[in-house]
N, C-alpha and C. Protein backbone atom coordinates (compact mmCIF):
# COMPACT_ATOMS: atom_id res chain seq x y z
N UNK A 1 0.86 -1.16 0.00
CA UNK A 1 0.00 0.00 0.00
C UNK A 1 0.90 1.22 0.00
N UNK A 2 0.72 2.11 -0.96
CA UNK A 2 1.51 3.32 -0.97
C UNK A 2 0.78 4.37 -0.16
N UNK A 3 1.41 4.82 0.89
CA UNK A 3 0.76 5.72 1.83
C UNK A 3 1.21 7.15 1.61
N UNK A 4 0.35 8.05 2.04
CA UNK A 4 0.71 9.46 2.11
C UNK A 4 1.74 9.58 3.22
N UNK A 5 2.65 10.50 3.08
CA UNK A 5 3.67 10.67 4.11
C UNK A 5 3.00 10.88 5.45
N UNK A 6 3.53 10.16 6.47
CA UNK A 6 2.95 10.22 7.81
C UNK A 6 2.80 11.65 8.31
N UNK A 7 3.78 12.51 8.02
CA UNK A 7 3.72 13.87 8.55
C UNK A 7 2.57 14.67 7.93
N UNK A 8 2.04 14.21 6.80
CA UNK A 8 0.93 14.92 6.15
C UNK A 8 -0.41 14.57 6.79
N UNK A 9 -0.44 13.51 7.58
CA UNK A 9 -1.69 13.09 8.21
C UNK A 9 -1.70 13.63 9.63
N UNK A 10 -2.64 14.49 9.89
CA UNK A 10 -2.79 15.03 11.23
C UNK A 10 -3.51 13.99 12.07
N UNK A 11 -2.99 13.71 13.27
CA UNK A 11 -3.61 12.72 14.13
C UNK A 11 -5.07 13.08 14.36
N UNK A 12 -5.93 12.08 14.22
CA UNK A 12 -7.35 12.31 14.38
C UNK A 12 -7.95 13.03 13.18
N UNK A 13 -7.17 13.18 12.12
CA UNK A 13 -7.62 13.91 10.95
C UNK A 13 -8.42 13.06 9.99
N UNK A 14 -8.80 13.69 8.91
CA UNK A 14 -9.63 13.06 7.90
C UNK A 14 -8.95 13.23 6.55
N UNK A 15 -8.99 12.18 5.75
CA UNK A 15 -8.44 12.24 4.40
C UNK A 15 -9.56 12.47 3.40
N UNK A 16 -9.31 13.32 2.42
CA UNK A 16 -10.28 13.52 1.34
C UNK A 16 -10.33 12.24 0.50
N UNK A 17 -11.23 12.20 -0.45
CA UNK A 17 -11.33 11.04 -1.33
C UNK A 17 -10.02 10.85 -2.09
N UNK A 18 -9.47 11.93 -2.63
CA UNK A 18 -8.20 11.83 -3.36
C UNK A 18 -7.09 11.33 -2.44
N UNK A 19 -7.00 11.87 -1.23
CA UNK A 19 -5.97 11.45 -0.28
C UNK A 19 -6.19 10.01 0.15
N UNK A 20 -7.45 9.61 0.32
CA UNK A 20 -7.77 8.24 0.70
C UNK A 20 -7.36 7.26 -0.40
N UNK A 21 -7.62 7.64 -1.65
CA UNK A 21 -7.21 6.80 -2.78
C UNK A 21 -5.68 6.67 -2.80
N UNK A 22 -4.99 7.78 -2.59
CA UNK A 22 -3.52 7.74 -2.52
C UNK A 22 -3.07 6.85 -1.37
N UNK A 23 -3.70 6.99 -0.24
CA UNK A 23 -3.36 6.22 0.95
C UNK A 23 -3.45 4.72 0.68
N UNK A 24 -4.49 4.32 -0.06
CA UNK A 24 -4.67 2.91 -0.40
C UNK A 24 -3.87 2.50 -1.64
N UNK A 25 -3.31 3.49 -2.33
CA UNK A 25 -2.51 3.19 -3.51
C UNK A 25 -3.33 2.79 -4.72
N UNK A 26 -4.52 3.40 -4.86
CA UNK A 26 -5.41 3.09 -5.98
C UNK A 26 -5.87 4.38 -6.64
N UNK A 27 -6.45 4.24 -7.83
CA UNK A 27 -7.01 5.40 -8.53
C UNK A 27 -8.32 5.81 -7.85
N UNK A 28 -8.80 7.00 -8.20
CA UNK A 28 -10.08 7.46 -7.63
C UNK A 28 -11.22 6.53 -8.03
N UNK A 29 -11.23 6.07 -9.29
CA UNK A 29 -12.32 5.18 -9.73
C UNK A 29 -12.26 3.84 -8.98
N UNK A 30 -11.05 3.32 -8.77
CA UNK A 30 -10.93 2.08 -7.99
C UNK A 30 -11.36 2.31 -6.55
N UNK A 31 -11.02 3.48 -6.02
CA UNK A 31 -11.41 3.82 -4.66
C UNK A 31 -12.93 3.79 -4.53
N UNK A 32 -13.64 4.40 -5.50
CA UNK A 32 -15.10 4.45 -5.43
C UNK A 32 -15.70 3.05 -5.52
N UNK A 33 -15.10 2.16 -6.34
CA UNK A 33 -15.58 0.77 -6.41
C UNK A 33 -15.41 0.10 -5.05
N UNK A 34 -14.25 0.28 -4.44
CA UNK A 34 -14.00 -0.30 -3.12
C UNK A 34 -14.95 0.28 -2.07
N UNK A 35 -15.22 1.57 -2.18
CA UNK A 35 -16.09 2.25 -1.20
C UNK A 35 -17.50 1.69 -1.21
N UNK A 36 -17.91 1.06 -2.31
CA UNK A 36 -19.25 0.48 -2.41
C UNK A 36 -19.31 -0.93 -1.81
N UNK A 37 -18.15 -1.51 -1.50
CA UNK A 37 -18.12 -2.89 -0.99
C UNK A 37 -18.54 -2.95 0.48
N UNK A 38 -19.03 -4.12 0.87
CA UNK A 38 -19.43 -4.34 2.27
C UNK A 38 -18.23 -4.18 3.18
N UNK A 39 -18.46 -3.55 4.29
CA UNK A 39 -17.40 -3.41 5.29
C UNK A 39 -16.46 -2.24 5.07
N UNK A 40 -16.62 -1.52 3.96
CA UNK A 40 -15.74 -0.38 3.71
C UNK A 40 -16.08 0.71 4.73
N UNK A 41 -15.06 1.42 5.23
CA UNK A 41 -15.33 2.45 6.25
C UNK A 41 -16.29 3.53 5.75
N UNK A 42 -17.05 4.05 6.68
CA UNK A 42 -17.97 5.14 6.37
C UNK A 42 -17.24 6.47 6.43
N UNK A 43 -17.79 7.43 5.72
CA UNK A 43 -17.26 8.80 5.79
C UNK A 43 -17.51 9.34 7.20
N UNK A 44 -16.64 10.23 7.62
CA UNK A 44 -16.81 10.89 8.91
C UNK A 44 -16.67 12.40 8.70
N UNK A 45 -17.13 13.15 9.67
CA UNK A 45 -16.97 14.60 9.66
C UNK A 45 -16.19 14.97 10.93
N UNK A 46 -15.02 15.54 10.74
CA UNK A 46 -14.20 15.99 11.86
C UNK A 46 -13.71 17.39 11.53
N UNK A 47 -13.94 18.31 12.45
CA UNK A 47 -13.54 19.71 12.25
C UNK A 47 -14.05 20.25 10.92
N UNK A 48 -15.29 19.96 10.61
CA UNK A 48 -15.94 20.42 9.38
C UNK A 48 -15.31 19.88 8.10
N UNK A 49 -14.52 18.83 8.21
CA UNK A 49 -13.94 18.20 7.03
C UNK A 49 -14.56 16.81 6.88
N UNK A 50 -15.07 16.52 5.67
CA UNK A 50 -15.69 15.24 5.39
C UNK A 50 -14.68 14.35 4.69
N UNK A 51 -14.58 13.11 5.14
CA UNK A 51 -13.65 12.18 4.50
C UNK A 51 -13.54 10.88 5.28
N UNK A 52 -12.37 10.27 5.18
CA UNK A 52 -12.13 8.96 5.77
C UNK A 52 -10.96 9.03 6.75
N UNK A 53 -11.11 8.33 7.89
CA UNK A 53 -10.03 8.29 8.86
C UNK A 53 -8.98 7.28 8.38
N UNK A 54 -7.69 7.65 8.43
CA UNK A 54 -6.64 6.73 7.96
C UNK A 54 -6.65 5.41 8.72
N UNK A 55 -6.92 5.44 10.03
CA UNK A 55 -6.93 4.19 10.80
C UNK A 55 -8.05 3.26 10.36
N UNK A 56 -9.19 3.84 9.92
CA UNK A 56 -10.28 3.00 9.41
C UNK A 56 -9.89 2.37 8.07
N UNK A 57 -9.24 3.14 7.23
CA UNK A 57 -8.77 2.62 5.93
C UNK A 57 -7.73 1.53 6.16
N UNK A 58 -6.83 1.73 7.11
CA UNK A 58 -5.79 0.75 7.42
C UNK A 58 -6.41 -0.55 7.90
N UNK A 59 -7.39 -0.46 8.79
CA UNK A 59 -8.05 -1.65 9.31
C UNK A 59 -8.78 -2.40 8.19
N UNK A 60 -9.50 -1.68 7.34
CA UNK A 60 -10.21 -2.30 6.23
C UNK A 60 -9.21 -2.99 5.29
N UNK A 61 -8.12 -2.29 4.97
CA UNK A 61 -7.11 -2.85 4.08
C UNK A 61 -6.50 -4.12 4.68
N UNK A 62 -6.21 -4.11 5.98
CA UNK A 62 -5.63 -5.28 6.64
C UNK A 62 -6.56 -6.49 6.54
N UNK A 63 -7.86 -6.25 6.69
CA UNK A 63 -8.82 -7.35 6.58
C UNK A 63 -8.85 -7.90 5.15
N UNK A 64 -8.74 -7.01 4.17
CA UNK A 64 -8.71 -7.46 2.77
C UNK A 64 -7.49 -8.33 2.52
N UNK A 65 -6.35 -7.92 3.06
CA UNK A 65 -5.11 -8.69 2.91
C UNK A 65 -5.26 -10.05 3.59
N UNK A 66 -5.83 -10.08 4.79
CA UNK A 66 -6.02 -11.33 5.51
C UNK A 66 -6.91 -12.28 4.72
N UNK A 67 -8.00 -11.77 4.17
CA UNK A 67 -8.90 -12.60 3.37
C UNK A 67 -8.22 -13.12 2.12
N UNK A 68 -7.45 -12.24 1.45
CA UNK A 68 -6.73 -12.65 0.24
C UNK A 68 -5.71 -13.74 0.58
N UNK A 69 -4.99 -13.58 1.71
CA UNK A 69 -4.01 -14.58 2.13
C UNK A 69 -4.69 -15.91 2.43
N UNK A 70 -5.86 -15.86 3.07
CA UNK A 70 -6.59 -17.09 3.40
C UNK A 70 -6.96 -17.83 2.12
N UNK A 71 -7.50 -17.10 1.15
CA UNK A 71 -7.89 -17.73 -0.11
C UNK A 71 -6.67 -18.29 -0.85
N UNK A 72 -5.58 -17.51 -0.88
CA UNK A 72 -4.37 -17.91 -1.58
C UNK A 72 -3.76 -19.18 -0.98
N UNK A 73 -3.80 -19.28 0.33
CA UNK A 73 -3.16 -20.41 1.01
C UNK A 73 -4.07 -21.62 1.09
N UNK A 74 -5.35 -21.46 0.71
CA UNK A 74 -6.27 -22.59 0.77
C UNK A 74 -6.88 -22.77 2.15
N UNK A 75 -6.61 -21.85 3.06
CA UNK A 75 -7.15 -21.93 4.40
C UNK A 75 -8.55 -21.32 4.39
N UNK A 76 -9.50 -22.01 4.96
CA UNK A 76 -10.88 -21.50 4.96
C UNK A 76 -11.05 -20.30 5.88
N UNK A 77 -10.41 -20.34 7.02
CA UNK A 77 -10.49 -19.20 7.95
C UNK A 77 -9.26 -19.21 8.85
N UNK A 78 -9.14 -18.19 9.64
CA UNK A 78 -8.00 -18.06 10.53
C UNK A 78 -8.43 -18.22 11.99
N UNK A 79 -9.37 -19.16 12.26
CA UNK A 79 -9.91 -19.27 13.60
C UNK A 79 -8.86 -19.56 14.67
N UNK A 80 -7.79 -20.26 14.34
CA UNK A 80 -6.79 -20.60 15.35
C UNK A 80 -5.77 -19.48 15.57
N UNK A 81 -5.95 -18.36 14.88
CA UNK A 81 -5.14 -17.20 15.21
C UNK A 81 -5.63 -16.58 16.52
N UNK A 82 -6.89 -16.83 16.88
CA UNK A 82 -7.43 -16.32 18.13
C UNK A 82 -7.24 -14.82 18.23
N UNK A 83 -6.87 -14.36 19.44
CA UNK A 83 -6.64 -12.93 19.63
C UNK A 83 -5.48 -12.44 18.78
N UNK A 84 -4.61 -13.35 18.40
CA UNK A 84 -3.49 -12.95 17.54
C UNK A 84 -3.98 -12.52 16.17
N UNK A 85 -5.25 -12.79 15.84
CA UNK A 85 -5.82 -12.28 14.59
C UNK A 85 -5.75 -10.76 14.57
N UNK A 86 -5.82 -10.16 15.75
CA UNK A 86 -5.63 -8.71 15.87
C UNK A 86 -4.35 -8.29 15.18
N UNK A 87 -3.32 -9.11 15.34
CA UNK A 87 -2.01 -8.81 14.74
C UNK A 87 -2.13 -8.81 13.23
N UNK A 88 -2.90 -9.73 12.69
CA UNK A 88 -3.09 -9.79 11.25
C UNK A 88 -3.96 -8.64 10.75
N UNK A 89 -5.04 -8.35 11.47
CA UNK A 89 -5.96 -7.28 11.08
C UNK A 89 -5.34 -5.90 11.25
N UNK A 90 -4.58 -5.72 12.30
CA UNK A 90 -4.05 -4.39 12.65
C UNK A 90 -2.53 -4.48 12.83
N UNK A 91 -1.87 -4.92 11.80
CA UNK A 91 -0.43 -5.17 11.87
C UNK A 91 0.35 -3.96 12.36
N UNK A 92 0.09 -2.79 11.80
CA UNK A 92 0.83 -1.59 12.21
C UNK A 92 0.56 -1.22 13.66
N UNK A 93 -0.69 -1.38 14.09
CA UNK A 93 -1.02 -1.10 15.48
C UNK A 93 -0.31 -2.09 16.40
N UNK A 94 -0.27 -3.36 16.02
CA UNK A 94 0.43 -4.37 16.82
C UNK A 94 1.92 -4.03 16.91
N UNK A 95 2.52 -3.61 15.79
CA UNK A 95 3.94 -3.22 15.81
C UNK A 95 4.14 -2.03 16.73
N UNK A 96 3.21 -1.09 16.72
CA UNK A 96 3.31 0.06 17.61
C UNK A 96 3.24 -0.38 19.07
N UNK A 97 2.40 -1.36 19.38
CA UNK A 97 2.32 -1.91 20.73
C UNK A 97 3.65 -2.53 21.13
N UNK A 98 4.28 -3.23 20.20
CA UNK A 98 5.57 -3.86 20.46
C UNK A 98 6.61 -2.80 20.80
N UNK A 99 6.64 -1.72 20.02
CA UNK A 99 7.59 -0.63 20.26
C UNK A 99 7.34 0.00 21.63
N UNK A 100 6.08 0.28 21.93
CA UNK A 100 5.72 0.89 23.21
C UNK A 100 6.09 -0.03 24.37
N UNK A 101 5.81 -1.32 24.24
CA UNK A 101 6.16 -2.28 25.30
C UNK A 101 7.67 -2.37 25.50
N UNK A 102 8.42 -2.35 24.40
CA UNK A 102 9.89 -2.38 24.51
C UNK A 102 10.40 -1.12 25.20
N UNK A 103 9.83 0.01 24.84
CA UNK A 103 10.22 1.28 25.46
C UNK A 103 9.95 1.25 26.96
N UNK A 104 8.77 0.75 27.34
CA UNK A 104 8.41 0.66 28.77
C UNK A 104 9.38 -0.22 29.56
N UNK A 105 9.84 -1.30 28.91
CA UNK A 105 10.76 -2.23 29.58
C UNK A 105 12.21 -1.79 29.46
N UNK A 106 12.46 -0.75 28.69
CA UNK A 106 13.84 -0.31 28.47
C UNK A 106 14.60 -1.24 27.54
N UNK A 107 13.87 -1.99 26.72
CA UNK A 107 14.49 -2.94 25.78
C UNK A 107 14.75 -2.24 24.45
N UNK A 108 15.54 -2.88 23.61
CA UNK A 108 15.87 -2.37 22.28
C UNK A 108 14.63 -2.46 21.40
N UNK A 109 14.11 -1.30 20.99
CA UNK A 109 12.88 -1.25 20.19
C UNK A 109 13.06 -1.91 18.84
N UNK A 110 14.20 -1.66 18.19
CA UNK A 110 14.45 -2.24 16.87
C UNK A 110 14.51 -3.76 16.95
N UNK A 111 15.16 -4.27 17.97
CA UNK A 111 15.24 -5.72 18.15
C UNK A 111 13.85 -6.32 18.39
N UNK A 112 13.03 -5.63 19.18
CA UNK A 112 11.67 -6.11 19.44
C UNK A 112 10.86 -6.16 18.15
N UNK A 113 10.99 -5.14 17.31
CA UNK A 113 10.26 -5.11 16.04
C UNK A 113 10.77 -6.22 15.12
N UNK A 114 12.06 -6.47 15.10
CA UNK A 114 12.60 -7.57 14.28
C UNK A 114 12.04 -8.91 14.73
N UNK A 115 11.99 -9.12 16.05
CA UNK A 115 11.43 -10.36 16.59
C UNK A 115 9.95 -10.49 16.22
N UNK A 116 9.23 -9.38 16.32
CA UNK A 116 7.80 -9.38 15.97
C UNK A 116 7.62 -9.72 14.50
N UNK A 117 8.37 -9.06 13.63
CA UNK A 117 8.25 -9.31 12.18
C UNK A 117 8.57 -10.76 11.85
N UNK A 118 9.60 -11.31 12.49
CA UNK A 118 9.96 -12.72 12.27
C UNK A 118 8.81 -13.62 12.70
N UNK A 119 8.29 -13.40 13.91
CA UNK A 119 7.22 -14.24 14.44
C UNK A 119 5.95 -14.12 13.59
N UNK A 120 5.65 -12.90 13.15
CA UNK A 120 4.47 -12.68 12.32
C UNK A 120 4.57 -13.46 11.01
N UNK A 121 5.70 -13.35 10.34
CA UNK A 121 5.89 -14.07 9.07
C UNK A 121 5.88 -15.58 9.29
N UNK A 122 6.50 -16.04 10.38
CA UNK A 122 6.54 -17.47 10.69
C UNK A 122 5.13 -17.99 10.97
N UNK A 123 4.32 -17.21 11.69
CA UNK A 123 2.96 -17.63 11.99
C UNK A 123 2.14 -17.73 10.70
N UNK A 124 2.26 -16.74 9.82
CA UNK A 124 1.53 -16.78 8.55
C UNK A 124 2.00 -17.94 7.68
N UNK A 125 3.30 -18.21 7.69
CA UNK A 125 3.87 -19.28 6.86
C UNK A 125 3.46 -20.66 7.36
N UNK A 126 3.42 -20.86 8.65
CA UNK A 126 3.16 -22.19 9.19
C UNK A 126 1.67 -22.52 9.33
N UNK A 127 0.82 -21.52 9.40
CA UNK A 127 -0.61 -21.78 9.58
C UNK A 127 -1.17 -22.74 8.53
N UNK A 128 -0.94 -22.50 7.24
CA UNK A 128 -1.49 -23.44 6.24
C UNK A 128 -0.92 -24.84 6.38
N UNK A 129 0.31 -24.95 6.84
CA UNK A 129 0.93 -26.27 6.99
C UNK A 129 0.31 -27.05 8.14
N UNK A 130 -0.27 -26.34 9.09
CA UNK A 130 -0.84 -26.97 10.26
C UNK A 130 -2.35 -27.19 10.14
N UNK A 131 -3.07 -26.26 9.46
CA UNK A 131 -4.52 -26.28 9.49
C UNK A 131 -5.19 -26.32 8.13
N UNK A 132 -4.56 -26.88 7.10
CA UNK A 132 -5.22 -26.93 5.80
C UNK A 132 -4.87 -28.22 5.07
N UNK A 133 -5.32 -28.28 3.84
CA UNK A 133 -5.05 -29.47 3.02
C UNK A 133 -3.56 -29.65 2.78
N UNK A 134 -2.78 -28.59 2.88
CA UNK A 134 -1.33 -28.69 2.70
C UNK A 134 -0.76 -29.66 3.72
N UNK A 135 -1.38 -29.71 4.90
CA UNK A 135 -0.93 -30.58 5.99
C UNK A 135 -0.82 -32.04 5.53
N UNK A 136 -1.74 -32.47 4.68
CA UNK A 136 -1.77 -33.85 4.22
C UNK A 136 -0.55 -34.22 3.38
N UNK A 137 0.12 -33.24 2.79
CA UNK A 137 1.26 -33.52 1.94
C UNK A 137 2.58 -33.54 2.71
N UNK A 138 2.53 -33.25 4.01
CA UNK A 138 3.75 -33.19 4.81
C UNK A 138 4.04 -34.53 5.47
N UNK A 139 5.32 -34.81 5.64
CA UNK A 139 5.71 -36.00 6.41
C UNK A 139 5.39 -35.72 7.88
N UNK A 140 5.43 -36.76 8.70
CA UNK A 140 5.14 -36.58 10.13
C UNK A 140 6.16 -35.62 10.77
N UNK A 141 7.40 -35.73 10.35
CA UNK A 141 8.46 -34.86 10.88
C UNK A 141 8.22 -33.41 10.47
N UNK A 142 7.85 -33.18 9.20
CA UNK A 142 7.57 -31.82 8.72
C UNK A 142 6.35 -31.23 9.42
N UNK A 143 5.32 -32.05 9.60
CA UNK A 143 4.10 -31.59 10.27
C UNK A 143 4.39 -31.23 11.72
N UNK A 144 5.22 -32.03 12.38
CA UNK A 144 5.59 -31.76 13.77
C UNK A 144 6.38 -30.46 13.89
N UNK A 145 7.30 -30.25 12.95
CA UNK A 145 8.10 -29.01 12.95
C UNK A 145 7.20 -27.81 12.68
N UNK A 146 6.26 -27.93 11.73
CA UNK A 146 5.34 -26.84 11.43
C UNK A 146 4.51 -26.50 12.66
N UNK A 147 4.05 -27.52 13.40
CA UNK A 147 3.27 -27.29 14.61
C UNK A 147 4.10 -26.53 15.65
N UNK A 148 5.33 -27.01 15.89
CA UNK A 148 6.20 -26.33 16.86
C UNK A 148 6.49 -24.90 16.45
N UNK A 149 6.73 -24.69 15.16
CA UNK A 149 7.00 -23.33 14.66
C UNK A 149 5.77 -22.43 14.82
N UNK A 150 4.57 -22.98 14.55
CA UNK A 150 3.35 -22.19 14.68
C UNK A 150 3.13 -21.79 16.14
N UNK A 151 3.20 -22.76 17.04
CA UNK A 151 3.01 -22.47 18.47
C UNK A 151 4.09 -21.51 18.97
N UNK A 152 5.34 -21.74 18.56
CA UNK A 152 6.45 -20.88 18.99
C UNK A 152 6.30 -19.45 18.50
N UNK A 153 5.88 -19.28 17.24
CA UNK A 153 5.72 -17.93 16.71
C UNK A 153 4.54 -17.22 17.36
N UNK A 154 3.47 -17.95 17.61
CA UNK A 154 2.31 -17.35 18.27
C UNK A 154 2.67 -16.96 19.70
N UNK A 155 3.43 -17.80 20.38
CA UNK A 155 3.87 -17.49 21.75
C UNK A 155 4.75 -16.23 21.76
N UNK A 156 5.63 -16.11 20.78
CA UNK A 156 6.49 -14.92 20.69
C UNK A 156 5.66 -13.66 20.46
N UNK A 157 4.65 -13.74 19.62
CA UNK A 157 3.78 -12.59 19.38
C UNK A 157 3.04 -12.21 20.66
N UNK A 158 2.55 -13.20 21.39
CA UNK A 158 1.87 -12.91 22.66
C UNK A 158 2.81 -12.18 23.61
N UNK A 159 4.05 -12.67 23.71
CA UNK A 159 5.03 -12.03 24.61
C UNK A 159 5.29 -10.58 24.22
N UNK A 160 5.36 -10.32 22.92
CA UNK A 160 5.71 -8.98 22.46
C UNK A 160 4.55 -8.00 22.50
N UNK A 161 3.35 -8.46 22.12
CA UNK A 161 2.20 -7.56 22.05
C UNK A 161 1.48 -7.48 23.39
N UNK A 162 1.42 -8.59 24.11
CA UNK A 162 0.75 -8.64 25.42
C UNK A 162 1.75 -9.11 26.49
N UNK A 163 2.73 -8.28 26.84
CA UNK A 163 3.78 -8.72 27.77
C UNK A 163 3.27 -9.05 29.17
N UNK A 164 2.07 -8.61 29.50
CA UNK A 164 1.51 -8.91 30.82
C UNK A 164 1.08 -10.38 30.94
N UNK A 165 1.00 -11.09 29.82
CA UNK A 165 0.65 -12.51 29.81
C UNK A 165 1.92 -13.33 30.02
N UNK A 166 1.92 -14.18 31.04
CA UNK A 166 3.07 -15.05 31.30
C UNK A 166 2.90 -16.32 30.48
N UNK A 167 3.56 -16.38 29.35
CA UNK A 167 3.38 -17.53 28.45
C UNK A 167 3.98 -18.81 29.01
N UNK A 168 4.87 -18.70 30.00
CA UNK A 168 5.44 -19.90 30.60
C UNK A 168 4.36 -20.72 31.31
N UNK A 169 3.29 -20.06 31.74
CA UNK A 169 2.20 -20.74 32.44
C UNK A 169 1.14 -21.28 31.49
N UNK A 170 1.27 -21.01 30.18
CA UNK A 170 0.27 -21.44 29.22
C UNK A 170 0.63 -22.78 28.60
N UNK A 171 -0.37 -23.63 28.40
CA UNK A 171 -0.17 -24.88 27.69
C UNK A 171 -0.22 -24.58 26.18
N UNK A 172 0.16 -25.55 25.37
CA UNK A 172 0.06 -25.38 23.92
C UNK A 172 -1.38 -25.10 23.51
N UNK A 173 -2.33 -25.77 24.16
CA UNK A 173 -3.75 -25.56 23.83
C UNK A 173 -4.18 -24.13 24.15
N UNK A 174 -3.68 -23.60 25.28
CA UNK A 174 -4.03 -22.23 25.65
C UNK A 174 -3.39 -21.21 24.70
N UNK A 175 -2.16 -21.51 24.27
CA UNK A 175 -1.50 -20.64 23.29
C UNK A 175 -2.28 -20.69 21.97
N UNK A 176 -2.69 -21.88 21.57
CA UNK A 176 -3.47 -22.05 20.35
C UNK A 176 -4.78 -21.28 20.43
N UNK A 177 -5.44 -21.32 21.58
CA UNK A 177 -6.74 -20.65 21.74
C UNK A 177 -6.61 -19.14 21.97
N UNK A 178 -5.44 -18.66 22.33
CA UNK A 178 -5.26 -17.23 22.65
C UNK A 178 -5.50 -16.39 21.42
C-alpha cells in the first residue's frame, strides 16, 4: 500500500477522497468501487472536514489482505489465530504496541520489532501447513516441525504484544486458543 507521508496526516484527521485513494494506492475510480463494498469504512466529519479516517482505511485494508491470504493459502479461515488475529488485522497497530512495550521495559525497540516481524511471518507461513489441506502432503516430521513453529511464533507474538501474559504458564492448547 503506498501511503501518504505520515507527517501529512494530522492525528485524528480526515483524508479527502483523493488522499484516501492515494493512501490505499489506488485510482479514484478504484477507490469508489472499493467504497461500495461491504465493510468499507464510512465517511466521517471531523472539524468540518468530510472524509475517511486513515486508521479506518488501514483496518479495512488489513482485513482485505487477511482474506486474500486465506484464499491464496487454501485456508478456509483463521480461527486458530485467536486474539493474535488482531495482529493480522491491525499489523501496524500491533507493531506500535511492540515498540511501546519495549520502550516501557527499556528494551531495544528495533530488536523487538525484528522479533515481531519474524514471528508474524513465521505464523503466517506455518498456519497453512498446520490447518489446511497442505498438511496432508507433509511428512510426520515436517508436520511436527510446522506445529512447533506455529506455536512458537504465536507465543512470541503474545510475549511482544501482550507482555503482561506469562506464556510460561500457558499450555500449547491455551497458546493455540489465545
